[in-house]
């Protein structure tokens, strides 16, 4: 289980080669995206979700109240 609440750094982290190398050892990711911040926006979250999908993760849950908290699982 990897839990990420890194105040906006999640976007660069997910896009990094280092994360891609480690992702195969992760089965579950809980993450809070910060697209409410003007400098990121929803497109950054959409891109990050797509990148996680490319690494083999599927979104299993997202918080509907804020649409910022997500749970990704490797099937």
C-alpha atoms as a PDB file:
ATOM      1  CA  UNK A   1       0.000   0.000   0.000  1.00  0.00           C
ATOM      2  CA  UNK A   2       1.296   3.424  -0.968  1.00  0.00           C
ATOM      3  CA  UNK A   3      -0.495   6.461   0.452  1.00  0.00           C
ATOM      4  CA  UNK A   4       0.216   9.806  -1.198  1.00  0.00           C
ATOM      5  CA  UNK A   5      -0.831  13.196   0.100  1.00  0.00           C
ATOM      6  CA  UNK A   6       2.097  15.284  -1.044  1.00  0.00           C
ATOM      7  CA  UNK A   7       0.463  18.653  -1.665  1.00  0.00           C
ATOM      8  CA  UNK A   8       0.707  18.782  -5.446  1.00  0.00           C
ATOM      9  CA  UNK A   9       3.922  16.815  -5.906  1.00  0.00           C
ATOM     10  CA  UNK A  10       1.871  13.743  -6.873  1.00  0.00           C
ATOM     11  CA  UNK A  11       1.748  14.860 -10.504  1.00  0.00           C
ATOM     12  CA  UNK A  12       5.524  15.008 -10.981  1.00  0.00           C
ATOM     13  CA  UNK A  13       5.973  11.842  -8.936  1.00  0.00           C
ATOM     14  CA  UNK A  14       3.546   9.791 -11.038  1.00  0.00           C
ATOM     15  CA  UNK A  15       5.130  11.097 -14.255  1.00  0.00           C
ATOM     16  CA  UNK A  16       8.652  10.195 -13.137  1.00  0.00           C
ATOM     17  CA  UNK A  17      10.669   7.267 -14.456  1.00  0.00           C
ATOM     18  CA  UNK A  18      11.541   6.315 -10.882  1.00  0.00           C
ATOM     19  CA  UNK A  19       7.875   5.851 -10.027  1.00  0.00           C
ATOM     20  CA  UNK A  20       7.336   3.715 -13.124  1.00  0.00           C
ATOM     21  CA  UNK A  21      10.227   1.475 -12.038  1.00  0.00           C
ATOM     22  CA  UNK A  22       8.764   1.008  -8.540  1.00  0.00           C
ATOM     23  CA  UNK A  23       5.109   0.682  -9.584  1.00  0.00           C
ATOM     24  CA  UNK A  24       5.367  -3.040 -10.289  1.00  0.00           C
ATOM     25  CA  UNK A  25       5.939  -3.637  -6.564  1.00  0.00           C
ATOM     26  CA  UNK A  26       2.838  -1.667  -5.529  1.00  0.00           C
ATOM     27  CA  UNK A  27      -0.599  -3.297  -5.364  1.00  0.00           C
ATOM     28  CA  UNK A  28      -2.657  -0.431  -3.933  1.00  0.00           C
ATOM     29  CA  UNK A  29      -2.358   3.364  -4.005  1.00  0.00           C
ATOM     30  CA  UNK A  30      -4.424   5.823  -1.969  1.00  0.00           C
ATOM     31  CA  UNK A  31      -3.884   9.315  -3.295  1.00  0.00           C
ATOM     32  CA  UNK A  32      -5.231  12.799  -2.778  1.00  0.00           C
ATOM     33  CA  UNK A  33      -5.011  14.885  -5.926  1.00  0.00           C
ATOM     34  CA  UNK A  34      -4.770  18.672  -5.659  1.00  0.00           C
ATOM     35  CA  UNK A  35      -6.495  19.752  -8.873  1.00  0.00           C
ATOM     36  CA  UNK A  36      -8.404  22.390  -6.896  1.00  0.00           C
ATOM     37  CA  UNK A  37      -5.184  24.393  -6.955  1.00  0.00           C
ATOM     38  CA  UNK A  38      -5.144  26.695  -9.969  1.00  0.00           C
ATOM     39  CA  UNK A  39      -1.637  25.729 -11.075  1.00  0.00           C
ATOM     40  CA  UNK A  40      -2.669  22.082 -11.584  1.00  0.00           C
ATOM     41  CA  UNK A  41      -6.323  21.856 -12.589  1.00  0.00           C
ATOM     42  CA  UNK A  42      -8.373  18.827 -13.541  1.00  0.00           C
ATOM     43  CA  UNK A  43      -6.315  18.082 -16.640  1.00  0.00           C
ATOM     44  CA  UNK A  44      -3.302  17.273 -14.448  1.00  0.00           C
ATOM     45  CA  UNK A  45      -5.408  14.775 -12.495  1.00  0.00           C
ATOM     46  CA  UNK A  46      -6.806  13.261 -15.685  1.00  0.00           C
ATOM     47  CA  UNK A  47      -3.262  12.836 -17.026  1.00  0.00           C
ATOM     48  CA  UNK A  48      -2.104  11.256 -13.754  1.00  0.00           C
ATOM     49  CA  UNK A  49      -5.043   8.821 -13.726  1.00  0.00           C
ATOM     50  CA  UNK A  50      -4.197   7.852 -17.319  1.00  0.00           C
ATOM     51  CA  UNK A  51      -0.546   7.370 -16.399  1.00  0.00           C
ATOM     52  CA  UNK A  52      -1.529   5.110 -13.508  1.00  0.00           C
ATOM     53  CA  UNK A  53      -3.710   3.127 -15.900  1.00  0.00           C
ATOM     54  CA  UNK A  54      -0.713   2.722 -18.176  1.00  0.00           C
ATOM     55  CA  UNK A  55       1.182   1.274 -15.225  1.00  0.00           C
ATOM     56  CA  UNK A  56      -1.525  -1.336 -14.673  1.00  0.00           C
ATOM     57  CA  UNK A  57      -3.681   0.331 -12.012  1.00  0.00           C
ATOM     58  CA  UNK A  58      -7.454   0.644 -12.072  1.00  0.00           C
ATOM     59  CA  UNK A  59      -9.444   3.199 -10.123  1.00  0.00           C
ATOM     60  CA  UNK A  60     -11.468   1.253  -7.538  1.00  0.00           C
ATOM     61  CA  UNK A  61     -12.912   4.207  -5.624  1.00  0.00           C
ATOM     62  CA  UNK A  62     -12.989   7.995  -5.561  1.00  0.00           C
ATOM     63  CA  UNK A  63     -14.413  10.307  -2.965  1.00  0.00           C
ATOM     64  CA  UNK A  64     -17.533  11.895  -4.368  1.00  0.00           C
ATOM     65  CA  UNK A  65     -17.673  14.755  -1.869  1.00  0.00           C
ATOM     66  CA  UNK A  66     -14.475  16.424  -3.099  1.00  0.00           C
ATOM     67  CA  UNK A  67     -13.480  14.225  -6.068  1.00  0.00           C
ATOM     68  CA  UNK A  68      -9.893  14.463  -4.800  1.00  0.00           C
ATOM     69  CA  UNK A  69      -9.339  11.168  -2.991  1.00  0.00           C
ATOM     70  CA  UNK A  70      -8.766   8.063  -5.093  1.00  0.00           C
ATOM     71  CA  UNK A  71      -7.975   4.393  -4.544  1.00  0.00           C
ATOM     72  CA  UNK A  72      -6.154   2.503  -7.280  1.00  0.00           C
ATOM     73  CA  UNK A  73      -5.669  -1.256  -7.349  1.00  0.00           C
ATOM     74  CA  UNK A  74      -3.647  -3.550  -9.514  1.00  0.00           C
ATOM     75  CA  UNK A  75      -6.065  -6.269 -10.706  1.00  0.00           C
END
